[in-house]
Amino acid sequence: MHKQEFIDRVTGLPWANRACTFDALDCWGLVVLYYRHVLGIELHHSPDYEAGSEFRTCFDGEVVYWRRADIFHEDGIFVAWYGKQPVHVGLIVNGMALHSRCEGGHVRSDPVRTIQRLYSKVEFYSYADNRNSENAGTAEGEGGCAGGGGVLRVA
């Protein structure tokens, strides 16, 4: 699927906790669908996510598969924080933040600057695919996370 096809298909879809379908999705579900259908990559999926664990728990289990970046870049993700808690995750697509807002929200695109104004901290990541748990610490040591919604389950 091409990027624009994906954007057209998901824009306006409702947010639903732990959902990862083309009917409804949460913020992490959006990331998973994009990587699967646009980039052809199956992301690691923490059992904590399916179990409904708190976002921070999910984030801690997933961040090891991502590499922190100083700036946002195409096909990367952002993790937004309120204080010391990661609370939201989304994609960088066509230079915009594509994300699924929580409770009563939906998938939408916003300028990255808008996301940076809404949250106390925003971090950027690229997929590192560190599937060997011995390498996991590399990505983990490079940055913070997302939480409070979805895993990198962010709302």
Protein backbone atom coordinates (compact mmCIF):
# COMPACT_ATOMS: atom_id res chain seq x y z
CA MET A 1 0.00 0.00 0.00
CA HIS A 2 1.33 3.47 -0.82
CA LYS A 3 1.62 6.12 1.88
CA GLN A 4 -1.16 8.28 0.51
CA GLU A 5 -3.51 5.29 0.23
CA PHE A 6 -2.81 4.49 3.87
CA ILE A 7 -3.35 8.08 4.98
CA ASP A 8 -6.63 8.29 3.06
CA ARG A 9 -7.81 4.98 4.52
CA VAL A 10 -7.05 5.74 8.19
CA THR A 11 -7.74 9.47 8.46
CA GLY A 12 -10.87 9.95 10.54
CA LEU A 13 -10.98 6.39 11.89
CA PRO A 14 -12.04 6.34 15.53
CA TRP A 15 -9.65 5.75 18.40
CA ALA A 16 -10.30 2.56 20.37
CA ASN A 17 -8.07 1.26 23.15
CA ARG A 18 -5.84 -1.63 22.02
CA ALA A 19 -7.40 -1.65 18.55
CA CYS A 20 -5.25 -2.33 15.51
CA THR A 21 -7.62 -2.64 12.53
CA PHE A 22 -8.87 -0.56 9.64
CA ASP A 23 -12.12 -0.08 11.60
CA ALA A 24 -10.64 1.52 14.74
CA LEU A 25 -7.21 1.87 16.28
CA ASP A 26 -5.25 3.41 19.08
CA CYS A 27 -1.99 5.27 18.60
CA TRP A 28 0.22 2.18 18.71
CA GLY A 29 -2.20 0.29 16.44
CA LEU A 30 -1.73 3.06 13.87
CA VAL A 31 2.06 2.61 13.99
CA VAL A 32 1.75 -1.17 13.65
CA LEU A 33 -0.62 -0.94 10.66
CA TYR A 34 1.59 1.62 8.90
CA TYR A 35 4.73 -0.44 9.29
CA ARG A 36 2.89 -3.61 8.19
CA HIS A 37 0.98 -2.26 5.19
CA VAL A 38 3.22 0.55 3.92
CA LEU A 39 6.74 -0.51 4.90
CA GLY A 40 6.24 -4.29 4.95
CA ILE A 41 7.68 -4.61 8.47
CA GLU A 42 6.09 -6.62 11.29
CA LEU A 43 6.84 -4.75 14.48
CA HIS A 44 7.56 -6.47 17.74
CA HIS A 45 4.39 -6.55 19.83
CA SER A 46 4.72 -6.75 23.60
CA PRO A 47 2.37 -9.11 25.44
CA ASP A 48 1.82 -6.18 27.82
CA TYR A 49 0.03 -4.34 25.03
CA GLU A 50 -2.53 -7.08 24.43
CA ALA A 51 -2.93 -7.53 28.19
CA GLY A 52 -3.96 -3.89 28.56
CA SER A 53 -0.98 -2.88 30.65
CA GLU A 54 -0.35 0.76 31.49
CA PHE A 55 1.36 2.65 28.67
CA ARG A 56 4.65 3.10 30.52
CA THR A 57 4.93 -0.67 30.96
CA CYS A 58 4.28 -1.17 27.25
CA PHE A 59 6.73 1.56 26.33
CA ASP A 60 9.52 0.06 28.43
CA GLY A 61 9.04 -3.26 26.62
CA GLU A 62 8.98 -1.75 23.14
CA VAL A 63 11.52 1.07 23.20
CA VAL A 64 14.40 -1.39 22.93
CA TYR A 65 13.40 -1.95 19.29
CA TRP A 66 13.75 1.74 18.44
CA ARG A 67 16.69 4.13 18.11
CA ARG A 68 16.39 7.66 19.45
CA ALA A 69 16.91 10.46 16.92
CA ASP A 70 17.68 14.13 17.49
CA ILE A 71 15.12 15.28 14.94
CA PHE A 72 12.04 13.81 13.32
CA HIS A 73 12.36 11.98 10.03
CA GLU A 74 10.09 10.35 7.48
CA ASP A 75 8.61 6.99 8.57
CA GLY A 76 9.87 7.48 12.12
CA ILE A 77 7.75 7.82 15.21
CA PHE A 78 7.33 10.40 17.93
CA VAL A 79 6.70 9.75 21.59
CA ALA A 80 4.98 12.50 23.53
CA TRP A 81 5.30 13.00 27.28
CA TYR A 82 3.40 14.75 30.04
CA GLY A 83 6.01 15.41 32.70
CA LYS A 84 7.84 12.14 33.36
CA GLN A 85 5.20 9.92 31.73
CA PRO A 86 5.15 8.90 28.08
CA VAL A 87 1.52 9.23 26.94
CA HIS A 88 1.21 9.23 23.16
CA VAL A 89 2.89 7.89 20.03
CA GLY A 90 2.45 8.64 16.36
CA LEU A 91 4.10 8.56 12.96
CA ILE A 92 5.99 11.10 10.90
CA VAL A 93 4.51 10.83 7.40
CA ASN A 94 4.92 13.46 4.69
CA GLY A 95 6.54 15.70 7.29
CA MET A 96 3.41 15.67 9.47
CA ALA A 97 2.49 13.92 12.72
CA LEU A 98 -0.06 11.22 11.87
CA HIS A 99 -1.63 9.98 15.10
CA SER A 100 -4.74 8.57 16.77
CA ARG A 101 -5.94 10.70 19.68
CA CYS A 102 -7.48 8.99 22.69
CA GLU A 103 -11.03 8.72 24.04
CA GLY A 104 -13.44 10.18 21.54
CA GLY A 105 -10.62 11.03 19.17
CA HIS A 106 -9.66 9.83 15.74
CA VAL A 107 -6.74 9.54 13.33
CA ARG A 108 -5.51 12.89 12.06
CA SER A 109 -2.44 14.70 10.79
CA ASP A 110 -1.01 17.72 12.56
CA PRO A 111 2.15 19.74 12.15
CA VAL A 112 4.94 18.34 14.33
CA ARG A 113 5.17 21.76 15.98
CA THR A 114 1.57 21.35 17.20
CA ILE A 115 2.47 18.06 18.90
CA GLN A 116 5.49 19.72 20.48
CA ARG A 117 3.25 22.45 21.91
CA LEU A 118 0.66 20.03 23.29
CA TYR A 119 3.08 17.93 25.32
CA SER A 120 5.85 18.74 27.77
CA LYS A 121 8.39 16.69 25.79
CA VAL A 122 8.45 14.99 22.39
CA GLU A 123 11.08 12.45 21.36
CA PHE A 124 11.74 11.00 17.91
CA TYR A 125 12.70 7.42 17.04
CA SER A 126 13.54 5.23 14.07
CA TYR A 127 12.95 1.50 13.98
CA ALA A 128 16.12 -0.34 15.01
CA ASP A 129 14.85 -3.94 14.73
CA ASN A 130 17.02 -5.10 17.64
CA ARG A 131 15.35 -8.49 17.88
CA ASN A 132 18.35 -9.95 19.70
CA SER A 133 17.65 -9.13 23.35
CA GLU A 134 21.40 -8.82 23.96
CA ASN A 135 21.35 -5.75 21.69
CA ALA A 136 18.23 -4.31 23.26
CA GLY A 137 20.10 -2.04 25.65
CA THR A 138 21.56 -0.06 22.76
CA ALA A 139 18.29 1.57 21.81
CA GLU A 140 17.03 1.72 25.35
CA GLY A 141 20.00 3.72 26.54
CA GLU A 142 19.43 6.31 23.86
CA GLY A 143 16.17 7.79 25.00
CA GLY A 144 12.87 8.09 26.72
CA CYS A 145 9.44 6.96 25.77
CA ALA A 146 5.78 7.14 25.23
CA GLY A 147 3.08 6.18 27.51
CA GLY A 148 -0.38 6.58 28.64
CA GLY A 149 -2.44 5.31 25.89
CA GLY A 150 -0.93 2.60 23.89
CA VAL A 151 2.48 1.19 23.45
CA LEU A 152 4.47 2.59 22.40
CA ARG A 153 0.82 2.28 23.03
CA VAL A 154 0.08 5.85 23.19
CA ALA A 155 -3.32 7.34 22.99
